[in-house]
């Protein structure tokens, strides 16, 4: 594991020290990671929409059965 030999971070900040290390992401890693996150977010959104539709349908049936709906 090679460390870059450039300008040293002297602010005393842990974040600054970590960012000064210069670890670079490759374009392929970033692209596949972004695609994975987008797919995961789309699946999560679909699940939430499906649950919401089920809640609305069951609530409507419950209100219709109790005589509270118009």
C-alpha atoms as a PDB file:
ATOM      1  CA  UNK A   1       0.000   0.000   0.000  1.00  0.00           C
ATOM      2  CA  UNK A   2       1.668   3.206  -1.162  1.00  0.00           C
ATOM      3  CA  UNK A   3       0.943   6.589   0.331  1.00  0.00           C
ATOM      4  CA  UNK A   4       1.155   9.714  -1.803  1.00  0.00           C
ATOM      5  CA  UNK A   5       4.144  11.939  -1.117  1.00  0.00           C
ATOM      6  CA  UNK A   6       2.699  15.377  -1.568  1.00  0.00           C
ATOM      7  CA  UNK A   7       1.624  18.294   0.525  1.00  0.00           C
ATOM      8  CA  UNK A   8       0.878  17.240   4.094  1.00  0.00           C
ATOM      9  CA  UNK A   9      -2.348  18.144   5.902  1.00  0.00           C
ATOM     10  CA  UNK A  10      -1.482  20.321   8.912  1.00  0.00           C
ATOM     11  CA  UNK A  11      -4.872  21.527  10.163  1.00  0.00           C
ATOM     12  CA  UNK A  12      -5.110  18.784  12.793  1.00  0.00           C
ATOM     13  CA  UNK A  13      -8.486  17.714  11.440  1.00  0.00           C
ATOM     14  CA  UNK A  14      -9.061  13.983  11.120  1.00  0.00           C
ATOM     15  CA  UNK A  15     -11.304  14.580   8.092  1.00  0.00           C
ATOM     16  CA  UNK A  16      -8.634  16.730   6.462  1.00  0.00           C
ATOM     17  CA  UNK A  17      -6.032  14.062   7.138  1.00  0.00           C
ATOM     18  CA  UNK A  18      -8.214  11.355   5.606  1.00  0.00           C
ATOM     19  CA  UNK A  19      -9.035  13.470   2.547  1.00  0.00           C
ATOM     20  CA  UNK A  20      -5.362  14.376   2.087  1.00  0.00           C
ATOM     21  CA  UNK A  21      -4.470  10.685   1.646  1.00  0.00           C
ATOM     22  CA  UNK A  22      -5.582  10.922  -1.970  1.00  0.00           C
ATOM     23  CA  UNK A  23      -7.353   7.587  -2.397  1.00  0.00           C
ATOM     24  CA  UNK A  24      -8.953   7.790  -5.822  1.00  0.00           C
ATOM     25  CA  UNK A  25     -12.009   5.881  -6.965  1.00  0.00           C
ATOM     26  CA  UNK A  26     -11.885   4.341 -10.386  1.00  0.00           C
ATOM     27  CA  UNK A  27     -14.646   5.296 -12.805  1.00  0.00           C
ATOM     28  CA  UNK A  28     -15.867   1.685 -13.040  1.00  0.00           C
ATOM     29  CA  UNK A  29     -16.233   1.334  -9.259  1.00  0.00           C
ATOM     30  CA  UNK A  30     -18.104   4.628  -9.001  1.00  0.00           C
ATOM     31  CA  UNK A  31     -20.400   3.808 -11.925  1.00  0.00           C
ATOM     32  CA  UNK A  32     -21.380   0.347 -10.704  1.00  0.00           C
ATOM     33  CA  UNK A  33     -21.843   1.640  -7.172  1.00  0.00           C
ATOM     34  CA  UNK A  34     -24.109   4.436  -8.396  1.00  0.00           C
ATOM     35  CA  UNK A  35     -26.141   2.015 -10.507  1.00  0.00           C
ATOM     36  CA  UNK A  36     -26.531  -0.312  -7.518  1.00  0.00           C
ATOM     37  CA  UNK A  37     -27.772   2.567  -5.349  1.00  0.00           C
ATOM     38  CA  UNK A  38     -30.241   3.732  -8.016  1.00  0.00           C
ATOM     39  CA  UNK A  39     -31.645   0.214  -8.396  1.00  0.00           C
ATOM     40  CA  UNK A  40     -31.934  -0.199  -4.624  1.00  0.00           C
ATOM     41  CA  UNK A  41     -33.727   3.158  -4.289  1.00  0.00           C
ATOM     42  CA  UNK A  42     -36.149   2.249  -7.107  1.00  0.00           C
ATOM     43  CA  UNK A  43     -36.971  -1.080  -5.448  1.00  0.00           C
ATOM     44  CA  UNK A  44     -37.482   0.629  -2.079  1.00  0.00           C
ATOM     45  CA  UNK A  45     -39.768   3.224  -3.676  1.00  0.00           C
ATOM     46  CA  UNK A  46     -41.786   0.475  -5.377  1.00  0.00           C
ATOM     47  CA  UNK A  47     -42.203  -1.386  -2.079  1.00  0.00           C
ATOM     48  CA  UNK A  48     -43.347   1.786  -0.312  1.00  0.00           C
ATOM     49  CA  UNK A  49     -45.869   2.567  -3.062  1.00  0.00           C
ATOM     50  CA  UNK A  50     -47.221  -0.991  -2.947  1.00  0.00           C
ATOM     51  CA  UNK A  51     -47.617  -0.841   0.842  1.00  0.00           C
ATOM     52  CA  UNK A  52     -49.349   2.540   0.546  1.00  0.00           C
ATOM     53  CA  UNK A  53     -51.814   1.193  -2.023  1.00  0.00           C
ATOM     54  CA  UNK A  54     -52.601  -1.801   0.196  1.00  0.00           C
ATOM     55  CA  UNK A  55     -53.172   0.455   3.215  1.00  0.00           C
ATOM     56  CA  UNK A  56     -55.532   2.688   1.227  1.00  0.00           C
ATOM     57  CA  UNK A  57     -57.488  -0.291  -0.128  1.00  0.00           C
ATOM     58  CA  UNK A  58     -57.828  -1.951   3.290  1.00  0.00           C
ATOM     59  CA  UNK A  59     -58.772   1.338   4.944  1.00  0.00           C
ATOM     60  CA  UNK A  60     -61.405   1.937   2.288  1.00  0.00           C
ATOM     61  CA  UNK A  61     -62.839  -1.545   2.815  1.00  0.00           C
ATOM     62  CA  UNK A  62     -62.848  -1.049   6.585  1.00  0.00           C
ATOM     63  CA  UNK A  63     -64.643   2.285   6.296  1.00  0.00           C
ATOM     64  CA  UNK A  64     -67.174   0.845   3.829  1.00  0.00           C
ATOM     65  CA  UNK A  65     -67.873  -2.049   6.185  1.00  0.00           C
ATOM     66  CA  UNK A  66     -68.438   0.217   9.189  1.00  0.00           C
ATOM     67  CA  UNK A  67     -70.830   2.562   7.409  1.00  0.00           C
ATOM     68  CA  UNK A  68     -68.604   5.608   7.888  1.00  0.00           C
ATOM     69  CA  UNK A  69     -67.900   6.257   4.209  1.00  0.00           C
ATOM     70  CA  UNK A  70     -70.219   8.408   2.156  1.00  0.00           C
END
